[in-house]
N, C-alpha and C. Protein backbone atom coordinates (compact mmCIF):
# COMPACT_ATOMS: atom_id res chain seq x y z
N SER A 1 0.81 -1.09 -0.02
CA SER A 1 0.12 -0.05 0.01
C SER A 1 0.85 1.21 0.00
N GLN A 2 0.27 2.29 -0.49
CA GLN A 2 0.97 3.61 -0.60
C GLN A 2 1.57 4.07 0.81
N ASP A 3 0.67 4.04 1.96
CA ASP A 3 0.98 4.40 3.15
C ASP A 3 2.02 3.57 3.74
N GLU A 4 2.36 2.33 3.70
CA GLU A 4 3.59 1.49 3.95
C GLU A 4 4.60 1.90 3.30
N LEU A 5 4.63 2.17 1.92
CA LEU A 5 5.60 2.54 1.15
C LEU A 5 6.18 4.20 1.52
N THR A 6 5.16 4.89 2.09
CA THR A 6 5.65 6.25 2.59
C THR A 6 6.39 6.18 4.07
N SER A 7 5.71 5.32 4.66
CA SER A 7 6.27 5.08 5.86
C SER A 7 7.73 4.55 5.93
N GLU A 8 7.95 3.53 4.99
CA GLU A 8 9.27 2.90 5.03
C GLU A 8 10.32 3.91 4.48
N LEU A 9 9.76 4.64 3.55
CA LEU A 9 10.74 5.51 3.03
C LEU A 9 11.13 6.54 4.02
N LEU A 10 10.10 7.26 4.85
CA LEU A 10 10.34 8.27 5.95
C LEU A 10 11.26 7.66 7.08
N LEU A 11 11.03 6.14 7.23
CA LEU A 11 12.06 5.68 8.23
C LEU A 11 13.55 5.57 7.71
N LYS A 12 13.57 5.21 6.34
CA LYS A 12 14.95 4.98 5.80
C LYS A 12 15.56 6.38 5.86
N THR A 13 14.82 7.58 5.54
CA THR A 13 15.11 8.88 5.39
C THR A 13 15.72 9.34 6.95
N ILE A 14 14.85 9.07 7.87
CA ILE A 14 15.17 9.36 9.18
C ILE A 14 16.52 8.59 9.57
N GLU A 15 16.79 7.38 9.28
CA GLU A 15 17.84 6.61 9.51
C GLU A 15 19.11 7.24 8.91
N LYS A 16 19.01 7.68 7.55
CA LYS A 16 20.22 8.30 6.98
C LYS A 16 20.42 9.51 7.67
N MET A 17 19.48 10.44 8.11
CA MET A 17 19.91 11.75 8.55
C MET A 17 20.39 11.63 10.02
N ARG A 18 19.99 10.49 10.81
CA ARG A 18 20.63 10.20 12.10
C ARG A 18 22.29 9.81 11.81
N LYS A 19 22.23 9.03 10.82
CA LYS A 19 23.94 8.74 10.64
C LYS A 19 24.69 10.13 10.24
N ILE A 20 24.22 10.83 9.30
CA ILE A 20 24.80 12.04 9.11
C ILE A 20 24.89 12.94 10.19
N ILE A 21 23.95 13.16 11.06
CA ILE A 21 24.17 13.96 12.23
C ILE A 21 25.12 13.31 13.20
N PHE A 22 25.12 12.15 13.39
CA PHE A 22 26.05 11.32 14.24
C PHE A 22 27.49 11.59 13.59
N ALA A 23 27.61 11.40 12.47
CA ALA A 23 29.06 11.51 11.89
C ALA A 23 29.41 13.06 11.79
N THR A 24 28.58 13.97 11.63
CA THR A 24 28.86 15.21 11.72
C THR A 24 29.34 15.68 13.19
N LEU A 25 28.67 15.17 14.31
CA LEU A 25 29.07 15.43 15.53
C LEU A 25 30.39 14.78 15.89
N ILE A 26 30.64 13.75 15.39
CA ILE A 26 32.10 12.94 15.65
C ILE A 26 32.91 14.09 14.99
N ILE A 27 32.89 14.31 13.83
CA ILE A 27 33.84 15.34 13.12
C ILE A 27 33.98 16.52 13.71
N LEU A 28 32.79 17.31 14.35
CA LEU A 28 33.19 18.53 15.05
C LEU A 28 33.69 18.15 16.49
N ALA A 29 33.45 17.30 17.16
CA ALA A 29 34.29 16.95 18.34
C ALA A 29 35.57 16.75 18.31
N THR A 30 36.10 16.04 17.10
CA THR A 30 37.52 15.73 16.89
C THR A 30 38.05 17.02 16.52
N TRP A 31 37.46 17.96 15.51
CA TRP A 31 38.00 19.24 15.21
C TRP A 31 38.23 19.91 16.36
N ASN A 32 37.10 20.21 17.22
CA ASN A 32 37.31 21.00 18.31
C ASN A 32 38.55 20.55 19.37
N ALA A 33 38.48 19.20 19.60
CA ALA A 33 39.79 18.92 20.40
C ALA A 33 40.81 19.12 19.84
N ASN A 34 41.25 19.02 18.57
CA ASN A 34 42.50 19.31 17.78
C ASN A 34 42.75 20.62 17.71
N SER A 35 41.68 21.70 17.79
CA SER A 35 42.10 22.94 17.48
C SER A 35 42.32 23.71 18.98
N GLN A 36 41.85 23.06 19.98
CA GLN A 36 42.37 23.70 21.32
C GLN A 36 43.70 23.56 21.56
N GLU A 37 44.34 24.73 22.13
CA GLU A 37 45.71 24.57 22.48
C GLU A 37 45.94 23.89 23.81
N LYS A 38 46.65 22.89 23.52
CA LYS A 38 46.92 22.02 24.60
C LYS A 38 48.13 22.54 25.52
N PRO A 39 47.95 22.28 26.81
CA PRO A 39 49.03 22.90 27.74
C PRO A 39 50.09 22.24 27.71
N THR A 40 51.20 22.50 27.11
CA THR A 40 52.35 21.79 27.01
C THR A 40 53.71 22.83 27.73
N THR A 41 54.67 22.17 28.05
CA THR A 41 55.90 22.86 28.59
C THR A 41 56.59 23.12 27.14
N LYS A 42 56.96 24.32 26.88
CA LYS A 42 57.91 24.62 25.70
C LYS A 42 59.22 23.76 26.15
N THR A 43 60.05 23.41 25.08
CA THR A 43 61.19 23.01 25.39
C THR A 43 62.28 23.92 24.27
N ALA A 44 63.37 23.80 24.56
CA ALA A 44 64.33 24.33 23.80
C ALA A 44 65.80 23.72 24.38
N ASP A 45 66.89 24.03 23.49
CA ASP A 45 68.09 23.27 23.68
C ASP A 45 69.11 24.39 24.21
N VAL A 46 69.91 23.97 24.99
CA VAL A 46 71.07 24.95 25.48
C VAL A 46 72.20 24.64 24.81
N LYS A 47 72.82 25.70 24.37
CA LYS A 47 73.99 25.60 23.60
C LYS A 47 75.22 25.13 24.69
N TRP A 48 75.71 24.30 24.80
CA TRP A 48 76.79 23.85 25.90
C TRP A 48 78.10 24.06 25.17
N TYR A 49 78.79 24.45 26.00
CA TYR A 49 80.31 24.78 25.63
C TYR A 49 81.17 23.78 26.14
N THR A 50 82.33 23.54 25.76
CA THR A 50 83.50 23.10 26.50
C THR A 50 84.00 24.16 27.47
N ILE A 51 84.70 23.78 28.46
CA ILE A 51 84.97 24.75 29.34
C ILE A 51 86.18 25.64 28.86
N GLN A 52 87.02 25.06 27.94
CA GLN A 52 88.01 25.85 27.06
C GLN A 52 87.15 26.92 26.28
N GLU A 53 86.28 26.51 25.47
CA GLU A 53 85.49 27.31 24.57
C GLU A 53 84.95 28.51 25.55
N ALA A 54 84.05 28.08 26.51
CA ALA A 54 83.67 29.24 27.52
C ALA A 54 84.70 30.24 27.98
N GLU A 55 85.98 29.60 28.29
CA GLU A 55 87.08 30.56 28.88
C GLU A 55 87.12 31.38 27.73
N GLN A 56 87.46 30.94 26.66
CA GLN A 56 87.85 32.12 25.41
C GLN A 56 86.74 33.02 25.17
N LEU A 57 85.42 32.53 25.18
CA LEU A 57 84.40 33.56 24.96
C LEU A 57 84.20 34.47 26.19
N MET A 58 84.60 34.06 27.27
CA MET A 58 84.54 34.83 28.51
C MET A 58 85.35 36.24 28.37
N LYS A 59 86.71 35.71 27.90
CA LYS A 59 87.72 36.78 27.85
C LYS A 59 87.34 37.85 26.72
N LYS A 60 86.71 37.43 25.50
CA LYS A 60 86.23 38.30 24.50
C LYS A 60 85.10 38.97 24.68
N PHE A 61 84.13 38.23 25.37
CA PHE A 61 82.87 38.73 25.48
C PHE A 61 82.37 38.48 26.84
N PRO A 62 82.69 39.25 27.97
CA PRO A 62 82.59 38.86 29.22
C PRO A 62 81.12 38.73 29.64
N ARG A 63 80.87 37.51 30.08
CA ARG A 63 79.61 37.29 30.86
C ARG A 63 79.92 36.04 31.57
N PRO A 64 79.11 35.83 32.58
CA PRO A 64 79.44 34.52 33.61
C PRO A 64 79.25 33.21 33.01
N LEU A 65 80.21 32.19 33.59
CA LEU A 65 80.26 31.07 33.18
C LEU A 65 79.02 30.10 34.01
N PHE A 66 78.53 29.32 33.60
CA PHE A 66 77.62 28.57 34.49
C PHE A 66 78.05 26.87 33.92
N ILE A 67 78.27 26.11 35.15
CA ILE A 67 78.97 24.95 34.83
C ILE A 67 78.25 23.94 35.66
N ASP A 68 77.50 22.99 34.87
CA ASP A 68 76.81 22.06 35.50
C ASP A 68 77.46 20.91 35.60
N THR A 69 78.11 20.38 36.89
CA THR A 69 78.94 19.24 37.22
C THR A 69 77.81 18.16 37.66
N TYR A 70 78.37 17.37 36.78
CA TYR A 70 77.48 16.12 36.75
C TYR A 70 78.28 14.78 36.83
N THR A 71 77.61 13.50 37.17
CA THR A 71 78.15 12.38 36.81
C THR A 71 77.29 11.33 36.05
N ASP A 72 77.92 10.23 35.58
CA ASP A 72 77.00 9.50 34.39
C ASP A 72 76.00 8.70 35.55
N TRP A 73 76.21 8.60 36.83
CA TRP A 73 75.40 7.82 37.60
C TRP A 73 74.43 8.31 38.38
N CYS A 74 74.46 9.75 38.23
CA CYS A 74 73.63 10.71 39.18
C CYS A 74 72.22 10.63 38.40
N GLY A 75 71.35 10.22 39.27
CA GLY A 75 69.90 10.14 38.73
C GLY A 75 69.34 11.79 38.82
N TRP A 76 69.73 12.39 39.89
CA TRP A 76 69.21 13.82 39.96
C TRP A 76 69.69 14.63 38.69
N CYS A 77 70.82 14.37 38.49
CA CYS A 77 71.49 15.29 37.20
C CYS A 77 70.58 14.80 35.91
N LYS A 78 70.38 13.64 35.81
CA LYS A 78 69.58 13.38 34.64
C LYS A 78 68.16 13.86 34.54
N LYS A 79 67.45 13.94 36.01
CA LYS A 79 66.32 14.76 36.05
C LYS A 79 66.51 16.18 35.93
N MET A 80 67.48 16.72 36.02
CA MET A 80 67.54 18.32 35.82
C MET A 80 67.69 18.33 34.56
N ASP A 81 68.58 17.56 33.72
CA ASP A 81 68.77 17.72 32.20
C ASP A 81 67.40 17.71 31.65
N LYS A 82 66.43 16.70 32.07
CA LYS A 82 65.15 16.48 31.41
C LYS A 82 64.26 17.64 31.58
N ASP A 83 63.92 17.99 33.01
CA ASP A 83 63.02 18.68 33.59
C ASP A 83 63.47 20.37 33.48
N THR A 84 64.77 20.57 33.87
CA THR A 84 65.16 21.89 34.08
C THR A 84 65.76 22.57 33.01
N PHE A 85 66.72 21.88 32.14
CA PHE A 85 67.65 22.55 31.03
C PHE A 85 66.81 22.37 29.87
N THR A 86 65.45 21.84 29.61
CA THR A 86 64.86 21.81 28.49
C THR A 86 63.65 22.86 28.58
N HIS A 87 63.52 23.58 29.75
CA HIS A 87 62.63 24.70 29.72
C HIS A 87 62.87 25.90 29.08
N ALA A 88 62.07 26.43 28.48
CA ALA A 88 62.24 27.58 27.54
C ALA A 88 62.87 28.88 28.34
N VAL A 89 62.38 29.11 29.41
CA VAL A 89 62.71 30.29 30.19
C VAL A 89 64.23 30.06 30.41
N ILE A 90 64.61 28.80 31.06
CA ILE A 90 65.91 28.45 31.43
C ILE A 90 66.91 28.42 30.28
N THR A 91 66.40 27.87 29.32
CA THR A 91 67.32 27.69 28.04
C THR A 91 67.57 29.11 27.50
N ASP A 92 66.61 30.13 27.52
CA ASP A 92 66.74 31.46 27.20
C ASP A 92 67.92 32.20 28.18
N LEU A 93 67.65 31.82 29.32
CA LEU A 93 68.66 32.80 30.32
C LEU A 93 70.16 32.18 30.19
N LEU A 94 70.11 30.81 29.98
CA LEU A 94 71.48 30.04 29.90
C LEU A 94 72.23 30.61 28.50
N ASN A 95 71.32 30.49 27.50
CA ASN A 95 71.93 30.84 26.10
C ASN A 95 72.41 32.35 25.89
N ASN A 96 71.67 33.14 26.60
CA ASN A 96 71.77 34.53 26.57
C ASN A 96 72.35 35.31 27.39
N LYS A 97 72.59 34.86 28.64
CA LYS A 97 73.32 35.65 29.73
C LYS A 97 74.63 34.84 30.17
N PHE A 98 74.74 33.66 29.90
CA PHE A 98 75.72 33.05 30.46
C PHE A 98 76.61 32.30 29.22
N TYR A 99 77.91 31.55 29.47
CA TYR A 99 78.44 30.50 28.80
C TYR A 99 78.14 29.28 29.49
N PRO A 100 77.28 28.46 28.92
CA PRO A 100 76.79 27.35 29.79
C PRO A 100 77.84 26.07 29.39
N VAL A 101 78.23 25.33 30.23
CA VAL A 101 79.13 24.29 30.34
C VAL A 101 78.77 23.03 31.08
N LYS A 102 78.74 21.77 30.38
CA LYS A 102 78.56 20.56 31.29
C LYS A 102 80.11 20.09 31.23
N PHE A 103 80.09 19.80 32.58
CA PHE A 103 81.33 19.15 32.87
C PHE A 103 81.06 17.86 33.65
N ASP A 104 81.62 16.57 33.25
CA ASP A 104 81.72 15.30 34.05
C ASP A 104 82.75 15.46 35.13
N ALA A 105 82.26 15.36 36.21
CA ALA A 105 83.13 15.55 37.42
C ALA A 105 84.01 14.37 37.64
N GLU A 106 83.75 13.16 36.92
CA GLU A 106 84.59 12.10 36.80
C GLU A 106 85.16 11.71 35.69
N GLY A 107 85.17 12.94 34.77
CA GLY A 107 86.13 12.55 33.54
C GLY A 107 87.22 12.28 33.78
N LYS A 108 87.84 11.78 32.65
CA LYS A 108 89.48 11.42 32.60
C LYS A 108 90.30 12.30 31.81
N GLU A 109 89.59 13.06 31.17
CA GLU A 109 90.49 14.11 30.28
C GLU A 109 91.31 15.01 31.02
N LYS A 110 92.43 15.41 30.44
CA LYS A 110 93.22 16.66 30.83
C LYS A 110 92.67 17.90 30.53
N VAL A 111 92.38 18.90 31.43
CA VAL A 111 91.70 20.26 31.08
C VAL A 111 92.39 21.35 31.58
N ASP A 112 92.76 22.34 30.47
CA ASP A 112 93.40 23.31 30.86
C ASP A 112 92.40 24.51 31.09
N PHE A 113 92.53 25.31 32.17
CA PHE A 113 91.53 26.30 32.58
C PHE A 113 92.30 27.14 33.50
N LEU A 114 92.02 28.60 33.00
CA LEU A 114 92.43 29.63 33.80
C LEU A 114 93.80 29.40 34.25
N GLY A 115 94.66 29.11 33.06
CA GLY A 115 96.21 29.15 33.43
C GLY A 115 96.46 27.91 34.22
N GLN A 116 95.76 26.87 34.45
CA GLN A 116 96.33 25.95 35.24
C GLN A 116 95.57 24.56 34.37
N THR A 117 96.51 23.35 34.76
CA THR A 117 96.15 22.27 33.87
C THR A 117 95.58 21.28 35.05
N PHE A 118 94.37 20.56 34.92
CA PHE A 118 93.63 19.73 35.89
C PHE A 118 93.37 18.41 35.14
N ILE A 119 93.89 17.29 36.06
CA ILE A 119 93.60 16.07 35.59
C ILE A 119 92.64 15.10 36.79
N ASN A 120 92.62 13.92 36.20
CA ASN A 120 91.79 13.11 37.24
C ASN A 120 92.61 12.05 37.59
N ASP A 121 93.71 12.40 38.92
CA ASP A 121 94.61 11.45 39.16
C ASP A 121 94.28 10.54 40.10
N GLY A 122 93.00 10.36 40.70
CA GLY A 122 92.36 9.36 41.42
C GLY A 122 92.79 9.97 42.98
N LYS A 123 93.26 10.99 43.29
CA LYS A 123 93.54 11.39 44.54
C LYS A 123 92.25 11.68 45.50
N SER A 124 91.42 11.85 44.53
CA SER A 124 89.79 12.37 45.37
C SER A 124 88.71 11.32 44.84
N GLY A 125 89.16 10.10 45.00
CA GLY A 125 88.26 9.08 44.60
C GLY A 125 88.25 9.27 43.29
N ASN A 126 87.05 9.16 42.64
CA ASN A 126 86.63 9.13 41.06
C ASN A 126 86.88 10.69 40.52
N ALA A 127 86.76 11.72 41.29
CA ALA A 127 86.60 13.07 40.97
C ALA A 127 87.73 13.77 40.19
N HIS A 128 87.63 14.49 39.29
CA HIS A 128 88.54 15.17 38.30
C HIS A 128 88.99 16.32 39.33
N GLN A 129 90.20 16.82 39.18
CA GLN A 129 90.77 17.83 40.06
C GLN A 129 90.10 19.07 39.90
N LEU A 130 89.60 19.27 38.59
CA LEU A 130 88.72 20.62 38.39
C LEU A 130 87.11 20.47 39.09
N ALA A 131 86.71 19.45 39.14
CA ALA A 131 85.48 19.30 39.89
C ALA A 131 85.84 19.52 41.32
N VAL A 132 86.83 19.13 42.02
CA VAL A 132 87.25 19.26 43.46
C VAL A 132 87.29 20.90 43.37
N ALA A 133 88.21 21.56 42.71
CA ALA A 133 88.35 22.99 42.79
C ALA A 133 87.33 23.68 42.74
N LEU A 134 86.28 23.45 41.54
CA LEU A 134 85.20 24.25 41.38
C LEU A 134 84.08 23.96 42.57
N LEU A 135 83.96 22.70 42.99
CA LEU A 135 83.00 22.26 44.13
C LEU A 135 83.47 22.62 45.47
N GLN A 136 85.00 23.44 45.39
CA GLN A 136 85.72 23.62 46.79
C GLN A 136 85.48 22.59 47.68
N GLY A 137 85.79 21.35 47.24
CA GLY A 137 85.94 20.07 47.95
C GLY A 137 84.52 19.30 48.55
N GLN A 138 83.47 19.93 48.20
CA GLN A 138 82.36 19.48 48.69
C GLN A 138 81.52 18.82 47.42
N LEU A 139 81.72 17.56 47.30
CA LEU A 139 81.48 16.74 46.16
C LEU A 139 80.21 16.10 46.18
N SER A 140 79.35 16.81 45.77
CA SER A 140 77.79 16.27 45.41
C SER A 140 77.21 16.69 44.06
N TYR A 141 76.36 15.80 43.66
CA TYR A 141 75.82 16.01 42.24
C TYR A 141 74.29 15.83 42.40
N PRO A 142 73.84 16.90 41.45
CA PRO A 142 74.39 17.82 40.65
C PRO A 142 74.66 18.98 41.52
N THR A 143 75.67 19.77 41.06
CA THR A 143 76.05 21.03 41.70
C THR A 143 76.39 21.94 40.36
N VAL A 144 75.49 23.04 40.39
CA VAL A 144 75.99 24.03 39.22
C VAL A 144 77.00 25.11 39.91
N VAL A 145 77.72 25.78 39.33
CA VAL A 145 78.85 26.60 39.40
C VAL A 145 78.77 28.01 38.80
N PHE A 146 78.84 29.00 39.33
CA PHE A 146 78.82 30.38 38.81
C PHE A 146 80.17 30.81 38.84
N LEU A 147 80.88 30.98 37.88
CA LEU A 147 82.28 31.89 37.70
C LEU A 147 81.88 33.33 37.09
N TYR A 148 82.16 34.27 37.86
CA TYR A 148 81.89 35.72 37.23
C TYR A 148 83.20 36.71 37.76
N THR A 149 83.15 37.53 37.08
CA THR A 149 84.09 38.65 37.23
C THR A 149 83.82 39.58 38.50
N GLN A 150 84.32 39.55 39.45
CA GLN A 150 84.18 40.52 40.62
C GLN A 150 84.44 41.67 40.34
N PRO A 151 83.96 43.06 41.28
CA PRO A 151 84.45 44.10 40.69
C PRO A 151 85.83 44.54 40.95
N ASP A 152 86.54 43.71 41.66
CA ASP A 152 88.10 43.80 41.62
C ASP A 152 88.90 43.11 40.64
N GLY A 153 88.04 42.48 39.72
CA GLY A 153 88.70 41.74 38.58
C GLY A 153 88.99 40.51 38.75
N LYS A 154 88.87 40.01 40.11
CA LYS A 154 89.02 38.45 40.21
C LYS A 154 87.77 37.68 39.86
N ILE A 155 88.16 36.42 39.76
CA ILE A 155 87.16 35.48 39.55
C ILE A 155 86.27 34.90 40.65
N GLY A 156 85.07 35.32 40.89
CA GLY A 156 84.34 34.63 41.77
C GLY A 156 83.70 33.21 41.34
N VAL A 157 83.83 32.35 42.46
CA VAL A 157 83.31 31.18 42.11
C VAL A 157 82.09 30.78 43.10
N SER A 158 80.94 30.45 42.88
CA SER A 158 79.68 30.19 43.78
C SER A 158 79.27 28.75 43.44
N PRO A 159 79.58 27.60 43.90
CA PRO A 159 78.94 26.30 43.61
C PRO A 159 77.64 26.44 44.38
N VAL A 160 76.62 25.98 43.86
CA VAL A 160 75.25 25.78 44.45
C VAL A 160 74.76 24.13 44.17
N PRO A 161 74.73 23.34 45.21
CA PRO A 161 74.56 22.11 45.29
C PRO A 161 72.91 21.64 44.98
N GLY A 162 72.57 20.48 44.60
CA GLY A 162 71.41 19.94 44.51
C GLY A 162 70.63 20.31 43.32
N TYR A 163 69.65 19.36 43.21
CA TYR A 163 68.70 19.52 42.14
C TYR A 163 67.89 20.62 42.11
N LYS A 164 67.66 21.38 41.05
CA LYS A 164 66.85 22.68 40.86
C LYS A 164 65.75 22.60 39.83
N PRO A 165 64.45 22.45 40.20
CA PRO A 165 63.52 22.60 39.38
C PRO A 165 63.44 23.97 38.55
N PRO A 166 62.83 24.01 37.33
CA PRO A 166 62.90 25.47 36.69
C PRO A 166 62.80 26.43 37.34
N LYS A 167 61.75 26.63 38.16
CA LYS A 167 61.39 27.68 38.99
C LYS A 167 62.61 28.37 39.91
N ASP A 168 63.07 27.35 40.68
CA ASP A 168 64.39 27.74 41.24
C ASP A 168 65.53 27.90 40.60
N MET A 169 65.51 27.45 39.57
CA MET A 169 66.85 27.59 38.72
C MET A 169 66.73 29.08 38.25
N GLU A 170 65.43 29.39 37.52
CA GLU A 170 65.32 30.74 37.00
C GLU A 170 65.88 31.95 38.09
N LEU A 171 65.32 31.67 39.45
CA LEU A 171 65.79 32.62 40.36
C LEU A 171 67.15 32.70 40.45
N LEU A 172 67.78 31.50 40.46
CA LEU A 172 69.20 31.52 40.82
C LEU A 172 70.11 32.23 39.64
N LEU A 173 69.52 31.78 38.33
CA LEU A 173 70.21 32.17 37.20
C LEU A 173 70.04 33.83 37.03
N SER A 174 68.85 34.44 37.49
CA SER A 174 68.65 35.86 37.50
C SER A 174 69.46 36.54 38.20
N PHE A 175 69.93 35.83 39.46
CA PHE A 175 70.66 36.67 40.50
C PHE A 175 72.17 36.76 39.83
N PHE A 176 72.64 35.72 39.14
CA PHE A 176 73.90 36.06 38.71
C PHE A 176 73.99 36.60 37.20
N ALA A 177 72.89 36.35 36.47
CA ALA A 177 72.77 36.92 34.96
C ALA A 177 73.04 38.58 35.06
N ASP A 178 72.22 39.23 35.97
CA ASP A 178 72.37 40.57 35.91
C ASP A 178 73.23 41.35 36.87
N ARG A 179 74.03 40.34 37.37
CA ARG A 179 75.01 41.16 38.56
C ARG A 179 74.11 41.40 39.76
N ASN A 180 73.11 40.88 40.02
CA ASN A 180 72.34 41.32 41.21
C ASN A 180 73.29 40.92 42.55
N TYR A 181 74.31 40.16 42.38
CA TYR A 181 74.98 39.68 43.57
C TYR A 181 75.87 41.01 43.97
N GLN A 182 75.96 41.81 43.17
CA GLN A 182 76.86 43.07 43.41
C GLN A 182 76.08 44.18 44.40
N THR A 183 74.62 44.18 44.27
CA THR A 183 73.90 45.11 44.75
C THR A 183 72.79 44.56 45.97
N LYS A 184 72.61 43.33 45.78
CA LYS A 184 71.65 42.67 46.78
C LYS A 184 72.16 41.53 47.47
N THR A 185 71.58 41.38 48.62
CA THR A 185 71.96 39.99 49.46
C THR A 185 70.90 39.08 48.60
N TRP A 186 71.44 37.64 48.82
CA TRP A 186 70.49 36.68 48.19
C TRP A 186 69.14 36.78 48.89
N GLU A 187 69.15 37.04 49.96
CA GLU A 187 67.64 36.91 50.86
C GLU A 187 66.69 38.11 50.29
N ASP A 188 67.42 39.36 50.09
CA ASP A 188 66.70 40.44 49.51
C ASP A 188 66.12 40.28 48.13
N PHE A 189 67.16 39.59 47.33
CA PHE A 189 66.84 39.42 45.89
C PHE A 189 65.56 38.21 45.80
N GLN A 190 65.56 37.29 46.74
CA GLN A 190 64.74 36.24 46.80
C GLN A 190 63.27 36.78 46.91
N LYS A 191 63.30 37.69 47.82
CA LYS A 191 61.98 38.42 48.25
C LYS A 191 61.33 39.31 47.10
N SER A 192 62.33 39.92 46.27
CA SER A 192 61.84 41.08 45.19
C SER A 192 61.67 40.27 43.93
N PHE A 193 62.09 39.12 43.74
CA PHE A 193 62.08 38.63 42.51
C PHE A 193 60.66 38.09 41.88
N LYS A 194 60.42 38.50 40.72
CA LYS A 194 59.23 38.13 40.05
C LYS A 194 59.63 37.35 38.87
N GLY A 195 59.62 36.30 38.79
CA GLY A 195 59.89 35.28 37.55
C GLY A 195 58.93 35.07 36.42
N LYS A 196 59.16 34.54 35.44
CA LYS A 196 58.35 34.20 34.36
C LYS A 196 57.60 32.67 34.68
N ILE A 197 58.43 31.97 35.35
CA ILE A 197 57.78 30.71 35.59
C ILE A 197 56.94 30.57 36.94
N GLN A 198 55.87 30.27 36.89
CA GLN A 198 54.79 30.12 37.99
C GLN A 198 54.98 28.78 38.62
């Protein structure tokens, strides 16, 4: 009959419309999910120098040296590499305000630095002589070391031991980057510092 035929045609049309609407909703949901900006941490690369390269650069274009002393077995060193030294704010500070150096505190190579030759002679366990000098005998890893020119022209050495997450590292880098250490105490600087990392 004509009514059955019309009813069947209507049901098929409704079913087709339902499939089209469902497919459209899926497409819109997928498009919306992909178009929203996902919260991610921006990463960047630090331009690491050898200690000899950094010394030469420091002589030509003075800025502080930042030395990351690490060992191959140090888990916290690896965590700082992964979490801190890949953060965009940290890499920007290191690349533009310092000459960053990675130094294997148990390395075996001879190092000429600041007019002296340093070796790993085994007298301090596995530690390299330069690591012992930079860390002032306090061998713990990771330790970052800031070398900077003081107002009297002498080289200042400030080792800071321990893992530093990006927010803490930004504070530390900012203290040395703009020579705040010459005009403020660390305590006063910490109180007034407003960083980019929240």
